[in-house]
C-alpha atoms as a PDB file:
ATOM      1  CA  MET A   1      -0.219   0.181  -0.383  1.00  0.00           C
ATOM      2  CA  VAL A   2       1.184   3.029  -1.070  1.00  0.00           C
ATOM      3  CA  VAL A   3      -0.142   7.210   0.342  1.00  0.00           C
ATOM      4  CA  ALA A   4       0.801   9.418  -1.041  1.00  0.00           C
ATOM      5  CA  SER A   5       0.164  13.451  -1.163  1.00  0.00           C
ATOM      6  CA  GLY A   6      -0.361  16.065  -4.042  1.00  0.00           C
ATOM      7  CA  THR A   7      -0.447  20.174  -3.735  1.00  0.00           C
ATOM      8  CA  SER A   8      -4.168  20.328  -5.146  1.00  0.00           C
ATOM      9  CA  ASN A   9      -6.349  18.345  -6.786  1.00  0.00           C
ATOM     10  CA  ARG A  10      -4.951  18.865 -10.015  1.00  0.00           C
ATOM     11  CA  HIS A  11      -1.796  17.582  -9.118  1.00  0.00           C
ATOM     12  CA  VAL A  12      -3.522  14.693  -7.735  1.00  0.00           C
ATOM     13  CA  GLY A  13      -5.083  14.425 -10.965  1.00  0.00           C
ATOM     14  CA  ALA A  14      -1.970  14.847 -12.926  1.00  0.00           C
ATOM     15  CA  MET A  15      -0.390  11.855 -10.414  1.00  0.00           C
ATOM     16  CA  THR A  16      -3.579   9.423 -11.406  1.00  0.00           C
ATOM     17  CA  GLU A  17      -3.169   9.904 -14.487  1.00  0.00           C
ATOM     18  CA  HIS A  18       1.243   9.432 -14.760  1.00  0.00           C
ATOM     19  CA  LEU A  19       0.292   6.508 -13.121  1.00  0.00           C
ATOM     20  CA  ARG A  20      -2.244   5.550 -15.335  1.00  0.00           C
ATOM     21  CA  ARG A  21      -0.343   5.076 -18.042  1.00  0.00           C
ATOM     22  CA  GLN A  22       2.829   3.780 -16.229  1.00  0.00           C
ATOM     23  CA  LEU A  23       1.147   0.688 -14.724  1.00  0.00           C
ATOM     24  CA  ARG A  24      -0.313   0.063 -18.560  1.00  0.00           C
ATOM     25  CA  LYS A  25       2.793   0.269 -19.310  1.00  0.00           C
ATOM     26  CA  VAL A  26       4.614  -2.295 -17.273  1.00  0.00           C
ATOM     27  CA  GLY A  27       1.937  -4.532 -17.767  1.00  0.00           C
ATOM     28  CA  VAL A  28      -0.852  -3.942 -15.641  1.00  0.00           C
ATOM     29  CA  LYS A  29      -3.859  -4.457 -17.336  1.00  0.00           C
ATOM     30  CA  ARG A  30      -6.608  -4.108 -15.205  1.00  0.00           C
ATOM     31  CA  THR A  31      -6.501  -1.311 -12.743  1.00  0.00           C
ATOM     32  CA  ALA A  32      -9.472   0.628 -11.321  1.00  0.00           C
ATOM     33  CA  ILE A  33      -9.391   4.014 -11.022  1.00  0.00           C
ATOM     34  CA  GLU A  34     -11.848   5.762  -7.786  1.00  0.00           C
ATOM     35  CA  GLY A  35     -12.404   9.156  -6.915  1.00  0.00           C
ATOM     36  CA  ASP A  36     -10.971  10.869 -10.326  1.00  0.00           C
ATOM     37  CA  GLN A  37     -13.744  13.161 -10.723  1.00  0.00           C
ATOM     38  CA  HIS A  38     -12.768  15.365  -8.064  1.00  0.00           C
ATOM     39  CA  CYS A  39      -9.424  14.411  -6.929  1.00  0.00           C
ATOM     40  CA  ASP A  40      -9.647  14.675  -3.044  1.00  0.00           C
ATOM     41  CA  TRP A  41      -8.805  11.344  -2.216  1.00  0.00           C
ATOM     42  CA  VAL A  42      -7.609   8.833  -4.446  1.00  0.00           C
ATOM     43  CA  LEU A  43      -8.065   5.287  -4.878  1.00  0.00           C
ATOM     44  CA  VAL A  44      -5.382   3.312  -7.484  1.00  0.00           C
ATOM     45  CA  ASP A  45      -6.400  -0.488  -7.330  1.00  0.00           C
ATOM     46  CA  ALA A  46      -3.503  -2.374  -9.191  1.00  0.00           C
ATOM     47  CA  GLY A  47      -4.110  -5.994  -7.775  1.00  0.00           C
ATOM     48  CA  ASP A  48      -1.406  -5.948  -5.395  1.00  0.00           C
ATOM     49  CA  ILE A  49      -0.783  -2.692  -4.923  1.00  0.00           C
ATOM     50  CA  ILE A  50      -3.149  -0.058  -3.286  1.00  0.00           C
ATOM     51  CA  ILE A  51      -2.380   3.340  -3.888  1.00  0.00           C
ATOM     52  CA  HIS A  52      -3.848   5.795  -2.081  1.00  0.00           C
ATOM     53  CA  LEU A  53      -3.578  10.247  -3.193  1.00  0.00           C
ATOM     54  CA  PHE A  54      -5.089  12.641  -1.126  1.00  0.00           C
ATOM     55  CA  ARG A  55      -4.843  16.160  -1.505  1.00  0.00           C
ATOM     56  CA  PRO A  56      -3.141  17.154   2.672  1.00  0.00           C
ATOM     57  CA  GLU A  57      -6.109  19.059   3.485  1.00  0.00           C
ATOM     58  CA  VAL A  58      -7.726  15.447   2.848  1.00  0.00           C
ATOM     59  CA  ARG A  59      -5.202  13.720   3.700  1.00  0.00           C
ATOM     60  CA  ASP A  60      -4.935  14.753   7.452  1.00  0.00           C
ATOM     61  CA  PHE A  61      -8.451  14.841   7.778  1.00  0.00           C
ATOM     62  CA  TYR A  62      -9.239  10.713   7.176  1.00  0.00           C
ATOM     63  CA  ARG A  63      -4.959   9.897   8.958  1.00  0.00           C
ATOM     64  CA  ILE A  64      -5.030   6.579   7.493  1.00  0.00           C
ATOM     65  CA  GLU A  65      -1.454   5.961   8.384  1.00  0.00           C
ATOM     66  CA  ARG A  66      -3.307   5.443  12.161  1.00  0.00           C
ATOM     67  CA  LEU A  67      -4.065   2.300  11.004  1.00  0.00           C
ATOM     68  CA  TRP A  68      -0.942   1.519  11.453  1.00  0.00           C
ATOM     69  CA  ASP A  69      -0.028   3.099  14.495  1.00  0.00           C
ATOM     70  CA  LYS A  70       1.008   0.959  17.452  1.00  0.00           C
ATOM     71  CA  ALA A  71      -1.087   3.093  19.849  1.00  0.00           C
ATOM     72  CA  PHE A  72      -3.931   2.393  17.435  1.00  0.00           C
ATOM     73  CA  ASP A  73      -3.355  -1.793  17.601  1.00  0.00           C
ATOM     74  CA  GLU A  74      -3.075  -1.194  21.040  1.00  0.00           C
ATOM     75  CA  ASP A  75      -6.045   0.556  22.057  1.00  0.00           C
ATOM     76  CA  ASP A  76      -8.236  -2.158  19.752  1.00  0.00           C
ATOM     77  CA  THR A  77      -7.510  -4.656  21.471  1.00  0.00           C
ATOM     78  CA  ASP A  78     -10.331  -6.781  22.667  1.00  0.00           C
ATOM     79  CA  PRO A  79      -9.312  -9.505  25.484  1.00  0.00           C
ATOM     80  CA  ALA A  80     -12.965 -11.544  24.892  1.00  0.00           C
ATOM     81  CA  ILE A  81     -12.044 -11.759  21.126  1.00  0.00           C
ATOM     82  CA  ALA A  82      -8.560 -12.658  21.489  1.00  0.00           C
ATOM     83  CA  PRO A  83      -7.421 -16.174  21.144  1.00  0.00           C
END
């Protein structure tokens, strides 16, 4: 998984188009892209690789990186579910 930011909607859109072309060039035929109409948050699903492209404000709002934060994992532990 890749998480990246562009500086504006236009920049995120250009990054999306560049990824689309480069993935096609290296032989990735089935690439699904969502969110490229508004370019606030674009998801590029290239099979084994998932790419999230954000505008800085949107990335800061969703903070998806915290899903891999150690503190987040510890808070999510439920002893009733533990094996």
